[in-house]
Amino acid sequence: MKLLQAALDLFNIEETFRVLDQVGRYVDIIELGTPLMVAEGARAVKAVKDRYPDKTVFADIKVMDGGGVVPKPVLEAGADMVSVLAAADDNTVRAAIALAREYHAQVLVDMCSVKDIAGRAREIEGMNPDYICVHVGYDIQSTGADPIEELRKLDGIRCKKAIAGGIGLSTFEAAVSSAADTIISGGGIYNQPNMGEVAAKMREILDRYNGKLI
């Protein structure tokens, strides 16, 4: 079953709720993006989880050090998933995964800026994360890098895969047809004037792929 994740790279809780009021019903995972985590911290996690208790709330904190410490505030606030960077030391990745397990939470390992994606993914897989995410970062999306192409570097990796980086409605069907288990869309949803309609169409495409009645 493939999932839709909305990445909300916003700067305050009020704007986040304005977007979620329009798109929340269509998504499986609500990602509280790194800008929101920096601006609002763990209180944003609690606010969103309180309003959307049945959704998976993902705190995109991109841990680079202190894997056994840094995620604690968002996990205690109710985050169902946190992110750690694949570029971090192995000890950091393992510590973040171990800490998340204590809270019955998931860990997404973000391959952003990793040069040898295939090689690092094989190493990360042995640490048993919940997801490995191929992520074309914001600052390099203008180069034309394609996350769907990048995902092919994870061929043979058995753990779940997520895909992110400039995915909008025009590329959503191709992303759904890829090997990704979770498709992440950020500005492709919330930067659209008709964001509710866009999210609804993405949901329709995903449900059709998943074989559900629409």
N, C-alpha and C. Protein backbone atom coordinates (compact mmCIF):
# COMPACT_ATOMS: atom_id res chain seq x y z
N MET A 1 0.84 -1.18 0.00
CA MET A 1 0.00 0.00 0.00
C MET A 1 0.88 1.24 0.00
N LYS A 2 0.80 2.02 -1.06
CA LYS A 2 1.61 3.23 -1.15
C LYS A 2 0.92 4.38 -0.45
N LEU A 3 1.73 5.30 0.08
CA LEU A 3 1.22 6.39 0.90
C LEU A 3 1.57 7.74 0.31
N LEU A 4 0.74 8.74 0.66
CA LEU A 4 0.97 10.12 0.26
C LEU A 4 1.40 10.92 1.49
N GLN A 5 2.52 11.61 1.34
CA GLN A 5 3.05 12.43 2.42
C GLN A 5 3.12 13.88 1.94
N ALA A 6 2.52 14.77 2.72
CA ALA A 6 2.59 16.21 2.42
C ALA A 6 3.68 16.83 3.27
N ALA A 7 4.69 17.39 2.60
CA ALA A 7 5.81 18.03 3.29
C ALA A 7 5.52 19.52 3.44
N LEU A 8 5.26 19.94 4.66
CA LEU A 8 4.86 21.32 4.91
C LEU A 8 6.05 22.12 5.41
N ASP A 9 6.80 22.69 4.46
CA ASP A 9 7.97 23.49 4.79
C ASP A 9 7.55 24.93 5.02
N LEU A 10 6.76 25.11 6.06
CA LEU A 10 6.19 26.40 6.40
C LEU A 10 6.88 26.94 7.65
N PHE A 11 6.43 28.12 8.13
CA PHE A 11 7.17 28.76 9.20
C PHE A 11 6.37 29.00 10.47
N ASN A 12 5.10 28.67 10.47
CA ASN A 12 4.33 28.83 11.70
C ASN A 12 3.15 27.86 11.71
N ILE A 13 2.64 27.62 12.89
CA ILE A 13 1.58 26.65 13.07
C ILE A 13 0.29 27.11 12.40
N GLU A 14 0.03 28.41 12.44
CA GLU A 14 -1.21 28.92 11.86
C GLU A 14 -1.27 28.65 10.36
N GLU A 15 -0.18 28.90 9.66
CA GLU A 15 -0.13 28.64 8.23
C GLU A 15 -0.23 27.14 7.95
N THR A 16 0.38 26.35 8.81
CA THR A 16 0.30 24.90 8.67
C THR A 16 -1.13 24.42 8.76
N PHE A 17 -1.88 24.93 9.71
CA PHE A 17 -3.28 24.53 9.84
C PHE A 17 -4.12 25.05 8.67
N ARG A 18 -3.77 26.22 8.15
CA ARG A 18 -4.50 26.73 6.98
C ARG A 18 -4.37 25.76 5.80
N VAL A 19 -3.17 25.24 5.62
CA VAL A 19 -2.95 24.27 4.54
C VAL A 19 -3.63 22.95 4.86
N LEU A 20 -3.47 22.48 6.08
CA LEU A 20 -4.05 21.18 6.45
C LEU A 20 -5.57 21.19 6.40
N ASP A 21 -6.18 22.33 6.66
CA ASP A 21 -7.63 22.42 6.55
C ASP A 21 -8.10 22.06 5.14
N GLN A 22 -7.22 22.30 4.15
CA GLN A 22 -7.58 22.03 2.76
C GLN A 22 -7.08 20.68 2.26
N VAL A 23 -5.94 20.21 2.79
CA VAL A 23 -5.34 19.00 2.21
C VAL A 23 -5.24 17.83 3.19
N GLY A 24 -5.43 18.09 4.47
CA GLY A 24 -5.19 17.07 5.48
C GLY A 24 -5.95 15.78 5.27
N ARG A 25 -7.17 15.89 4.80
CA ARG A 25 -8.01 14.69 4.65
C ARG A 25 -7.47 13.74 3.58
N TYR A 26 -6.64 14.24 2.67
CA TYR A 26 -6.20 13.45 1.52
C TYR A 26 -4.86 12.75 1.75
N VAL A 27 -4.13 13.12 2.80
CA VAL A 27 -2.78 12.60 2.97
C VAL A 27 -2.73 11.55 4.07
N ASP A 28 -1.73 10.70 3.98
CA ASP A 28 -1.52 9.67 5.00
C ASP A 28 -0.53 10.14 6.06
N ILE A 29 0.48 10.88 5.61
CA ILE A 29 1.54 11.34 6.50
C ILE A 29 1.64 12.86 6.41
N ILE A 30 1.61 13.51 7.56
CA ILE A 30 1.80 14.95 7.63
C ILE A 30 3.24 15.20 8.05
N GLU A 31 4.00 15.75 7.11
CA GLU A 31 5.39 16.07 7.41
C GLU A 31 5.51 17.51 7.86
N LEU A 32 6.00 17.71 9.06
CA LEU A 32 6.29 19.04 9.57
C LEU A 32 7.73 19.33 9.18
N GLY A 33 7.89 20.16 8.14
CA GLY A 33 9.18 20.36 7.51
C GLY A 33 10.21 21.02 8.42
N THR A 34 11.45 20.95 7.98
CA THR A 34 12.55 21.48 8.76
C THR A 34 12.39 22.96 9.10
N PRO A 35 11.92 23.82 8.17
CA PRO A 35 11.70 25.22 8.56
C PRO A 35 10.72 25.37 9.72
N LEU A 36 9.66 24.57 9.72
CA LEU A 36 8.69 24.64 10.81
C LEU A 36 9.28 24.13 12.11
N MET A 37 10.11 23.07 12.03
CA MET A 37 10.75 22.54 13.22
C MET A 37 11.70 23.56 13.83
N VAL A 38 12.41 24.30 12.98
CA VAL A 38 13.32 25.33 13.47
C VAL A 38 12.53 26.48 14.09
N ALA A 39 11.44 26.87 13.44
CA ALA A 39 10.68 28.05 13.88
C ALA A 39 9.81 27.77 15.11
N GLU A 40 9.19 26.60 15.15
CA GLU A 40 8.17 26.33 16.18
C GLU A 40 8.53 25.19 17.12
N GLY A 41 9.41 24.30 16.69
CA GLY A 41 9.85 23.22 17.56
C GLY A 41 8.78 22.19 17.87
N ALA A 42 8.98 21.52 19.01
CA ALA A 42 8.13 20.39 19.38
C ALA A 42 6.67 20.79 19.57
N ARG A 43 6.41 22.05 19.88
CA ARG A 43 5.01 22.44 20.10
C ARG A 43 4.19 22.31 18.82
N ALA A 44 4.86 22.43 17.67
CA ALA A 44 4.15 22.23 16.40
C ALA A 44 3.73 20.78 16.26
N VAL A 45 4.59 19.87 16.70
CA VAL A 45 4.25 18.45 16.65
C VAL A 45 3.02 18.17 17.50
N LYS A 46 3.02 18.67 18.72
CA LYS A 46 1.90 18.43 19.62
C LYS A 46 0.61 19.03 19.05
N ALA A 47 0.69 20.24 18.51
CA ALA A 47 -0.50 20.91 17.99
C ALA A 47 -1.11 20.12 16.83
N VAL A 48 -0.25 19.66 15.92
CA VAL A 48 -0.76 18.93 14.76
C VAL A 48 -1.25 17.54 15.16
N LYS A 49 -0.53 16.87 16.04
CA LYS A 49 -0.96 15.53 16.47
C LYS A 49 -2.28 15.60 17.22
N ASP A 50 -2.45 16.64 18.03
CA ASP A 50 -3.72 16.80 18.76
C ASP A 50 -4.89 16.98 17.80
N ARG A 51 -4.66 17.71 16.71
CA ARG A 51 -5.75 17.96 15.76
C ARG A 51 -5.94 16.81 14.78
N TYR A 52 -4.88 16.08 14.50
CA TYR A 52 -4.94 14.97 13.53
C TYR A 52 -4.39 13.70 14.16
N PRO A 53 -5.07 13.18 15.18
CA PRO A 53 -4.53 12.02 15.91
C PRO A 53 -4.44 10.75 15.07
N ASP A 54 -5.22 10.66 14.01
CA ASP A 54 -5.22 9.45 13.20
C ASP A 54 -4.21 9.50 12.05
N LYS A 55 -3.51 10.62 11.90
CA LYS A 55 -2.50 10.74 10.86
C LYS A 55 -1.11 10.45 11.43
N THR A 56 -0.23 9.95 10.58
CA THR A 56 1.17 9.83 10.95
C THR A 56 1.80 11.21 10.87
N VAL A 57 2.34 11.68 11.98
CA VAL A 57 2.99 13.00 12.03
C VAL A 57 4.50 12.79 12.03
N PHE A 58 5.13 13.36 11.02
CA PHE A 58 6.56 13.17 10.79
C PHE A 58 7.29 14.48 11.05
N ALA A 59 8.21 14.47 12.01
CA ALA A 59 9.02 15.64 12.33
C ALA A 59 10.33 15.54 11.54
N ASP A 60 10.47 16.39 10.54
CA ASP A 60 11.65 16.33 9.66
C ASP A 60 12.78 17.15 10.28
N ILE A 61 13.39 16.57 11.30
CA ILE A 61 14.42 17.29 12.06
C ILE A 61 15.82 17.04 11.53
N LYS A 62 15.99 16.13 10.59
CA LYS A 62 17.27 15.89 9.90
C LYS A 62 18.44 15.80 10.87
N VAL A 63 18.40 14.84 11.76
CA VAL A 63 19.44 14.70 12.78
C VAL A 63 20.78 14.38 12.12
N MET A 64 21.81 15.13 12.51
CA MET A 64 23.16 14.91 12.01
C MET A 64 24.11 14.48 13.13
N ASP A 65 23.73 14.75 14.36
CA ASP A 65 24.54 14.38 15.52
C ASP A 65 23.59 14.23 16.70
N GLY A 66 24.03 13.53 17.71
CA GLY A 66 23.19 13.38 18.90
C GLY A 66 21.94 12.56 18.63
N GLY A 67 22.08 11.46 17.91
CA GLY A 67 20.92 10.67 17.52
C GLY A 67 20.09 10.16 18.68
N GLY A 68 20.73 9.94 19.81
CA GLY A 68 20.00 9.43 20.98
C GLY A 68 19.45 10.52 21.86
N VAL A 69 19.64 11.79 21.48
CA VAL A 69 19.23 12.91 22.32
C VAL A 69 18.34 13.90 21.56
N VAL A 70 18.80 14.34 20.39
CA VAL A 70 18.13 15.41 19.66
C VAL A 70 16.65 15.12 19.36
N PRO A 71 16.26 13.88 18.99
CA PRO A 71 14.85 13.64 18.66
C PRO A 71 13.91 13.61 19.87
N LYS A 72 14.44 13.59 21.09
CA LYS A 72 13.57 13.39 22.26
C LYS A 72 12.41 14.37 22.36
N PRO A 73 12.63 15.67 22.20
CA PRO A 73 11.50 16.61 22.38
C PRO A 73 10.34 16.35 21.42
N VAL A 74 10.64 16.05 20.16
CA VAL A 74 9.54 15.82 19.21
C VAL A 74 8.89 14.47 19.43
N LEU A 75 9.67 13.48 19.86
CA LEU A 75 9.09 12.17 20.16
C LEU A 75 8.17 12.27 21.39
N GLU A 76 8.61 13.01 22.38
CA GLU A 76 7.78 13.20 23.58
C GLU A 76 6.53 14.01 23.27
N ALA A 77 6.59 14.84 22.22
CA ALA A 77 5.43 15.64 21.81
C ALA A 77 4.46 14.85 20.95
N GLY A 78 4.83 13.62 20.58
CA GLY A 78 3.90 12.77 19.85
C GLY A 78 4.26 12.46 18.42
N ALA A 79 5.48 12.81 17.99
CA ALA A 79 5.88 12.49 16.61
C ALA A 79 5.86 10.98 16.38
N ASP A 80 5.30 10.59 15.26
CA ASP A 80 5.25 9.17 14.89
C ASP A 80 6.46 8.76 14.07
N MET A 81 7.18 9.75 13.55
CA MET A 81 8.36 9.46 12.73
C MET A 81 9.29 10.66 12.77
N VAL A 82 10.60 10.38 12.72
CA VAL A 82 11.61 11.43 12.68
C VAL A 82 12.61 11.08 11.58
N SER A 83 13.40 12.08 11.19
CA SER A 83 14.40 11.85 10.15
C SER A 83 15.80 12.02 10.70
N VAL A 84 16.70 11.21 10.15
CA VAL A 84 18.13 11.32 10.43
C VAL A 84 18.83 11.31 9.08
N LEU A 85 19.92 12.04 8.96
CA LEU A 85 20.62 12.13 7.69
C LEU A 85 21.53 10.92 7.49
N ALA A 86 21.48 10.36 6.29
CA ALA A 86 22.36 9.23 5.97
C ALA A 86 23.82 9.64 6.00
N ALA A 87 24.09 10.94 5.83
CA ALA A 87 25.46 11.43 5.87
C ALA A 87 26.03 11.44 7.29
N ALA A 88 25.18 11.23 8.29
CA ALA A 88 25.64 11.20 9.67
C ALA A 88 26.47 9.95 9.93
N ASP A 89 27.19 9.98 11.02
CA ASP A 89 27.96 8.82 11.45
C ASP A 89 27.03 7.63 11.73
N ASP A 90 27.53 6.43 11.51
CA ASP A 90 26.73 5.24 11.76
C ASP A 90 26.19 5.21 13.19
N ASN A 91 27.02 5.63 14.14
CA ASN A 91 26.57 5.63 15.54
C ASN A 91 25.38 6.55 15.75
N THR A 92 25.36 7.67 15.04
CA THR A 92 24.25 8.60 15.14
C THR A 92 22.97 7.99 14.58
N VAL A 93 23.08 7.35 13.42
CA VAL A 93 21.92 6.72 12.81
C VAL A 93 21.37 5.63 13.72
N ARG A 94 22.26 4.78 14.22
CA ARG A 94 21.81 3.69 15.09
C ARG A 94 21.17 4.22 16.37
N ALA A 95 21.75 5.28 16.93
CA ALA A 95 21.20 5.85 18.17
C ALA A 95 19.82 6.44 17.93
N ALA A 96 19.63 7.10 16.81
CA ALA A 96 18.32 7.67 16.49
C ALA A 96 17.27 6.58 16.32
N ILE A 97 17.65 5.49 15.67
CA ILE A 97 16.72 4.37 15.48
C ILE A 97 16.38 3.74 16.82
N ALA A 98 17.38 3.54 17.66
CA ALA A 98 17.13 2.93 18.97
C ALA A 98 16.22 3.81 19.82
N LEU A 99 16.46 5.12 19.80
CA LEU A 99 15.62 6.03 20.58
C LEU A 99 14.18 6.01 20.06
N ALA A 100 14.01 6.06 18.75
CA ALA A 100 12.66 6.05 18.18
C ALA A 100 11.91 4.79 18.58
N ARG A 101 12.60 3.67 18.63
CA ARG A 101 11.95 2.41 19.01
C ARG A 101 11.38 2.50 20.43
N GLU A 102 12.07 3.22 21.31
CA GLU A 102 11.58 3.37 22.68
C GLU A 102 10.23 4.08 22.71
N TYR A 103 9.99 4.92 21.71
CA TYR A 103 8.74 5.67 21.63
C TYR A 103 7.76 5.06 20.62
N HIS A 104 8.09 3.86 20.15
CA HIS A 104 7.26 3.18 19.15
C HIS A 104 7.07 4.05 17.91
N ALA A 105 8.13 4.76 17.56
CA ALA A 105 8.11 5.65 16.41
C ALA A 105 9.00 5.10 15.29
N GLN A 106 8.84 5.67 14.11
CA GLN A 106 9.59 5.24 12.94
C GLN A 106 10.72 6.23 12.65
N VAL A 107 11.68 5.74 11.84
CA VAL A 107 12.80 6.58 11.42
C VAL A 107 12.93 6.52 9.90
N LEU A 108 13.01 7.70 9.30
CA LEU A 108 13.32 7.84 7.88
C LEU A 108 14.75 8.33 7.77
N VAL A 109 15.56 7.60 7.02
CA VAL A 109 16.95 8.01 6.79
C VAL A 109 17.00 8.72 5.44
N ASP A 110 17.39 9.99 5.48
CA ASP A 110 17.35 10.88 4.32
C ASP A 110 18.71 10.87 3.61
N MET A 111 18.68 10.51 2.32
CA MET A 111 19.92 10.39 1.53
C MET A 111 20.34 11.72 0.91
N CYS A 112 19.74 12.81 1.31
CA CYS A 112 20.06 14.13 0.76
C CYS A 112 21.57 14.40 0.81
N SER A 113 22.14 14.76 -0.34
CA SER A 113 23.55 15.14 -0.48
C SER A 113 24.53 13.98 -0.32
N VAL A 114 24.04 12.74 -0.26
CA VAL A 114 24.93 11.58 -0.25
C VAL A 114 25.41 11.33 -1.68
N LYS A 115 26.71 11.20 -1.86
CA LYS A 115 27.27 11.02 -3.20
C LYS A 115 27.07 9.60 -3.71
N ASP A 116 27.39 8.61 -2.89
CA ASP A 116 27.23 7.21 -3.28
C ASP A 116 25.95 6.66 -2.66
N ILE A 117 24.84 6.96 -3.30
CA ILE A 117 23.54 6.57 -2.75
C ILE A 117 23.42 5.06 -2.62
N ALA A 118 23.81 4.33 -3.65
CA ALA A 118 23.67 2.87 -3.63
C ALA A 118 24.51 2.26 -2.51
N GLY A 119 25.75 2.70 -2.39
CA GLY A 119 26.63 2.13 -1.37
C GLY A 119 26.17 2.48 0.03
N ARG A 120 25.80 3.74 0.26
CA ARG A 120 25.37 4.13 1.60
C ARG A 120 24.04 3.48 1.95
N ALA A 121 23.17 3.30 0.98
CA ALA A 121 21.88 2.65 1.25
C ALA A 121 22.09 1.21 1.71
N ARG A 122 23.06 0.53 1.14
CA ARG A 122 23.33 -0.84 1.59
C ARG A 122 23.80 -0.86 3.04
N GLU A 123 24.60 0.13 3.41
CA GLU A 123 25.05 0.22 4.80
C GLU A 123 23.89 0.55 5.73
N ILE A 124 23.08 1.51 5.32
CA ILE A 124 21.94 1.93 6.15
C ILE A 124 20.94 0.80 6.32
N GLU A 125 20.72 0.03 5.27
CA GLU A 125 19.74 -1.05 5.33
C GLU A 125 20.03 -2.00 6.49
N GLY A 126 21.30 -2.25 6.74
CA GLY A 126 21.68 -3.15 7.84
C GLY A 126 21.37 -2.60 9.21
N MET A 127 21.03 -1.32 9.30
CA MET A 127 20.67 -0.70 10.58
C MET A 127 19.18 -0.77 10.86
N ASN A 128 18.42 -1.31 9.91
CA ASN A 128 16.98 -1.54 10.04
C ASN A 128 16.15 -0.27 10.27
N PRO A 129 16.32 0.72 9.42
CA PRO A 129 15.42 1.88 9.51
C PRO A 129 14.05 1.51 8.93
N ASP A 130 13.08 2.36 9.12
CA ASP A 130 11.76 2.12 8.55
C ASP A 130 11.72 2.54 7.08
N TYR A 131 12.40 3.63 6.76
CA TYR A 131 12.44 4.13 5.39
C TYR A 131 13.84 4.61 5.04
N ILE A 132 14.19 4.44 3.78
CA ILE A 132 15.29 5.18 3.18
C ILE A 132 14.66 6.11 2.15
N CYS A 133 15.02 7.39 2.23
CA CYS A 133 14.40 8.39 1.35
C CYS A 133 15.42 8.94 0.36
N VAL A 134 15.12 8.81 -0.92
CA VAL A 134 15.88 9.48 -1.95
C VAL A 134 15.31 10.89 -2.09
N HIS A 135 16.16 11.88 -1.86
CA HIS A 135 15.68 13.26 -1.71
C HIS A 135 16.54 14.19 -2.54
N VAL A 136 15.95 14.75 -3.59
CA VAL A 136 16.62 15.81 -4.34
C VAL A 136 16.35 17.11 -3.57
N GLY A 137 17.37 17.62 -2.92
CA GLY A 137 17.21 18.75 -2.02
C GLY A 137 16.78 20.03 -2.71
N TYR A 138 16.21 20.93 -1.94
CA TYR A 138 15.65 22.19 -2.45
C TYR A 138 16.67 22.97 -3.27
N ASP A 139 17.91 23.02 -2.77
CA ASP A 139 18.91 23.86 -3.42
C ASP A 139 19.46 23.27 -4.71
N ILE A 140 19.15 22.01 -5.01
CA ILE A 140 19.65 21.42 -6.25
C ILE A 140 18.54 21.02 -7.21
N GLN A 141 17.29 21.32 -6.85
CA GLN A 141 16.19 20.97 -7.75
C GLN A 141 16.28 21.71 -9.08
N SER A 142 16.88 22.90 -9.05
CA SER A 142 16.99 23.69 -10.28
C SER A 142 17.98 23.09 -11.27
N THR A 143 18.77 22.10 -10.83
CA THR A 143 19.73 21.46 -11.73
C THR A 143 19.06 20.44 -12.64
N GLY A 144 17.80 20.13 -12.35
CA GLY A 144 17.09 19.14 -13.15
C GLY A 144 17.22 17.72 -12.65
N ALA A 145 17.85 17.52 -11.50
CA ALA A 145 17.97 16.18 -10.93
C ALA A 145 16.59 15.59 -10.70
N ASP A 146 16.42 14.34 -11.06
CA ASP A 146 15.12 13.68 -11.03
C ASP A 146 15.08 12.64 -9.91
N PRO A 147 14.24 12.84 -8.89
CA PRO A 147 14.21 11.86 -7.80
C PRO A 147 13.78 10.47 -8.25
N ILE A 148 12.97 10.39 -9.30
CA ILE A 148 12.55 9.07 -9.79
C ILE A 148 13.75 8.32 -10.35
N GLU A 149 14.62 9.03 -11.06
CA GLU A 149 15.85 8.41 -11.56
C GLU A 149 16.76 8.04 -10.40
N GLU A 150 16.88 8.92 -9.43
CA GLU A 150 17.73 8.65 -8.28
C GLU A 150 17.26 7.41 -7.52
N LEU A 151 15.96 7.19 -7.51
CA LEU A 151 15.40 6.05 -6.77
C LEU A 151 15.92 4.72 -7.31
N ARG A 152 16.26 4.68 -8.57
CA ARG A 152 16.76 3.44 -9.16
C ARG A 152 18.07 2.98 -8.50
N LYS A 153 18.75 3.89 -7.85
CA LYS A 153 19.98 3.53 -7.14
C LYS A 153 19.69 2.69 -5.90
N LEU A 154 18.42 2.61 -5.52
CA LEU A 154 18.03 1.78 -4.37
C LEU A 154 17.54 0.40 -4.80
N ASP A 155 17.69 0.06 -6.06
CA ASP A 155 17.30 -1.28 -6.52
C ASP A 155 18.01 -2.34 -5.66
N GLY A 156 17.23 -3.30 -5.19
CA GLY A 156 17.78 -4.36 -4.35
C GLY A 156 17.70 -4.08 -2.86
N ILE A 157 17.41 -2.84 -2.49
CA ILE A 157 17.25 -2.49 -1.07
C ILE A 157 15.86 -2.96 -0.62
N ARG A 158 15.82 -3.68 0.49
CA ARG A 158 14.56 -4.33 0.89
C ARG A 158 13.67 -3.47 1.78
N CYS A 159 14.25 -2.51 2.52
CA CYS A 159 13.40 -1.73 3.40
C CYS A 159 12.58 -0.74 2.58
N LYS A 160 11.59 -0.16 3.21
CA LYS A 160 10.68 0.74 2.50
C LYS A 160 11.43 1.97 1.99
N LYS A 161 10.92 2.50 0.89
CA LYS A 161 11.57 3.62 0.23
C LYS A 161 10.59 4.80 0.13
N ALA A 162 11.13 5.98 0.30
CA ALA A 162 10.37 7.21 0.08
C ALA A 162 11.09 8.03 -0.97
N ILE A 163 10.33 8.91 -1.62
CA ILE A 163 10.88 9.72 -2.70
C ILE A 163 10.41 11.15 -2.53
N ALA A 164 11.36 12.09 -2.68
CA ALA A 164 11.03 13.50 -2.45
C ALA A 164 11.90 14.39 -3.33
N GLY A 165 11.38 15.57 -3.62
CA GLY A 165 12.17 16.56 -4.33
C GLY A 165 11.51 17.06 -5.58
N GLY A 166 10.65 18.07 -5.45
CA GLY A 166 10.04 18.69 -6.61
C GLY A 166 8.91 17.90 -7.25
N ILE A 167 8.32 16.97 -6.51
CA ILE A 167 7.23 16.16 -7.07
C ILE A 167 5.92 16.93 -6.99
N GLY A 168 5.29 17.14 -8.14
CA GLY A 168 4.00 17.81 -8.21
C GLY A 168 3.01 16.94 -8.94
N LEU A 169 1.87 17.52 -9.26
CA LEU A 169 0.82 16.73 -9.90
C LEU A 169 1.26 16.19 -11.25
N SER A 170 2.07 16.95 -11.99
CA SER A 170 2.48 16.51 -13.33
C SER A 170 3.41 15.30 -13.30
N THR A 171 4.12 15.11 -12.20
CA THR A 171 5.03 13.97 -12.09
C THR A 171 4.56 12.93 -11.08
N PHE A 172 3.39 13.17 -10.50
CA PHE A 172 2.95 12.32 -9.40
C PHE A 172 2.66 10.88 -9.86
N GLU A 173 2.03 10.73 -11.00
CA GLU A 173 1.70 9.38 -11.46
C GLU A 173 2.97 8.57 -11.72
N ALA A 174 3.99 9.20 -12.29
CA ALA A 174 5.25 8.50 -12.50
C ALA A 174 5.90 8.12 -11.17
N ALA A 175 5.79 8.99 -10.19
CA ALA A 175 6.34 8.69 -8.87
C ALA A 175 5.61 7.51 -8.22
N VAL A 176 4.29 7.50 -8.38
CA VAL A 176 3.49 6.40 -7.83
C VAL A 176 3.85 5.08 -8.50
N SER A 177 4.15 5.13 -9.79
CA SER A 177 4.49 3.92 -10.54
C SER A 177 5.91 3.44 -10.29
N SER A 178 6.69 4.23 -9.57
CA SER A 178 8.06 3.86 -9.25
C SER A 178 8.09 2.85 -8.10
N ALA A 179 9.30 2.56 -7.63
CA ALA A 179 9.46 1.60 -6.53
C ALA A 179 9.22 2.23 -5.16
N ALA A 180 8.85 3.50 -5.13
CA ALA A 180 8.65 4.19 -3.85
C ALA A 180 7.42 3.67 -3.12
N ASP A 181 7.55 3.51 -1.81
CA ASP A 181 6.41 3.14 -0.96
C ASP A 181 5.65 4.37 -0.50
N THR A 182 6.37 5.48 -0.33
CA THR A 182 5.76 6.75 0.06
C THR A 182 6.21 7.84 -0.90
N ILE A 183 5.25 8.60 -1.40
CA ILE A 183 5.54 9.70 -2.30
C ILE A 183 5.34 10.99 -1.53
N ILE A 184 6.37 11.83 -1.54
CA ILE A 184 6.37 13.06 -0.75
C ILE A 184 6.25 14.26 -1.69
N SER A 185 5.28 15.10 -1.43
CA SER A 185 5.10 16.32 -2.21
C SER A 185 4.97 17.50 -1.25
N GLY A 186 5.73 18.55 -1.51
CA GLY A 186 5.69 19.73 -0.67
C GLY A 186 5.05 20.90 -1.38
N GLY A 187 5.91 21.75 -1.99
CA GLY A 187 5.40 22.91 -2.71
C GLY A 187 4.48 22.53 -3.85
N GLY A 188 4.63 21.31 -4.36
CA GLY A 188 3.73 20.83 -5.41
C GLY A 188 2.29 20.75 -4.94
N ILE A 189 2.10 20.80 -3.62
CA ILE A 189 0.75 20.87 -3.04
C ILE A 189 0.49 22.28 -2.50
N TYR A 190 1.28 22.70 -1.50
CA TYR A 190 0.88 23.90 -0.75
C TYR A 190 1.17 25.21 -1.46
N ASN A 191 1.98 25.17 -2.53
CA ASN A 191 2.20 26.40 -3.30
C ASN A 191 1.19 26.59 -4.42
N GLN A 192 0.24 25.67 -4.53
CA GLN A 192 -0.76 25.76 -5.59
C GLN A 192 -1.99 26.52 -5.09
N PRO A 193 -2.56 27.38 -5.91
CA PRO A 193 -3.74 28.13 -5.48
C PRO A 193 -4.94 27.23 -5.19
N ASN A 194 -4.97 26.09 -5.85
CA ASN A 194 -6.04 25.11 -5.65
C ASN A 194 -5.50 23.88 -4.95
N MET A 195 -4.79 24.09 -3.86
CA MET A 195 -4.08 23.00 -3.20
C MET A 195 -4.99 21.83 -2.81
N GLY A 196 -6.21 22.11 -2.40
CA GLY A 196 -7.13 21.04 -2.05
C GLY A 196 -7.44 20.16 -3.24
N GLU A 197 -7.66 20.76 -4.39
CA GLU A 197 -7.93 19.99 -5.61
C GLU A 197 -6.73 19.17 -6.02
N VAL A 198 -5.54 19.75 -5.90
CA VAL A 198 -4.32 19.03 -6.25
C VAL A 198 -4.15 17.81 -5.35
N ALA A 199 -4.31 18.01 -4.05
CA ALA A 199 -4.17 16.89 -3.12
C ALA A 199 -5.23 15.82 -3.38
N ALA A 200 -6.44 16.24 -3.70
CA ALA A 200 -7.51 15.28 -4.01
C ALA A 200 -7.17 14.46 -5.25
N LYS A 201 -6.60 15.09 -6.27
CA LYS A 201 -6.22 14.37 -7.48
C LYS A 201 -5.08 13.40 -7.20
N MET A 202 -4.14 13.81 -6.38
CA MET A 202 -3.06 12.89 -5.99
C MET A 202 -3.62 11.69 -5.25
N ARG A 203 -4.59 11.96 -4.35
CA ARG A 203 -5.22 10.86 -3.62
C ARG A 203 -5.92 9.90 -4.57
N GLU A 204 -6.59 10.45 -5.56
CA GLU A 204 -7.30 9.64 -6.54
C GLU A 204 -6.34 8.75 -7.31
N ILE A 205 -5.23 9.33 -7.75
CA ILE A 205 -4.22 8.55 -8.48
C ILE A 205 -3.68 7.44 -7.60
N LEU A 206 -3.38 7.77 -6.36
CA LEU A 206 -2.81 6.79 -5.43
C LEU A 206 -3.80 5.69 -5.11
N ASP A 207 -5.05 6.06 -4.85
CA ASP A 207 -6.07 5.05 -4.54
C ASP A 207 -6.30 4.13 -5.73
N ARG A 208 -6.27 4.70 -6.92
CA ARG A 208 -6.43 3.86 -8.10
C ARG A 208 -5.30 2.86 -8.20
N TYR A 209 -4.09 3.33 -7.94
CA TYR A 209 -2.93 2.43 -7.98
C TYR A 209 -3.05 1.36 -6.90
N ASN A 210 -3.50 1.75 -5.74
CA ASN A 210 -3.63 0.81 -4.62
C ASN A 210 -4.82 -0.12 -4.78
N GLY A 211 -5.60 0.10 -5.81
CA GLY A 211 -6.72 -0.81 -6.08
C GLY A 211 -7.93 -0.56 -5.23
N LYS A 212 -8.05 0.68 -4.69
CA LYS A 212 -9.22 0.99 -3.86
C LYS A 212 -10.35 1.51 -4.71
N LEU A 213 -11.55 1.47 -4.14
CA LEU A 213 -12.69 2.13 -4.77
C LEU A 213 -12.56 3.62 -4.58
N ILE A 214 -12.83 4.38 -5.63
CA ILE A 214 -12.70 5.84 -5.55
C ILE A 214 -14.09 6.46 -5.40
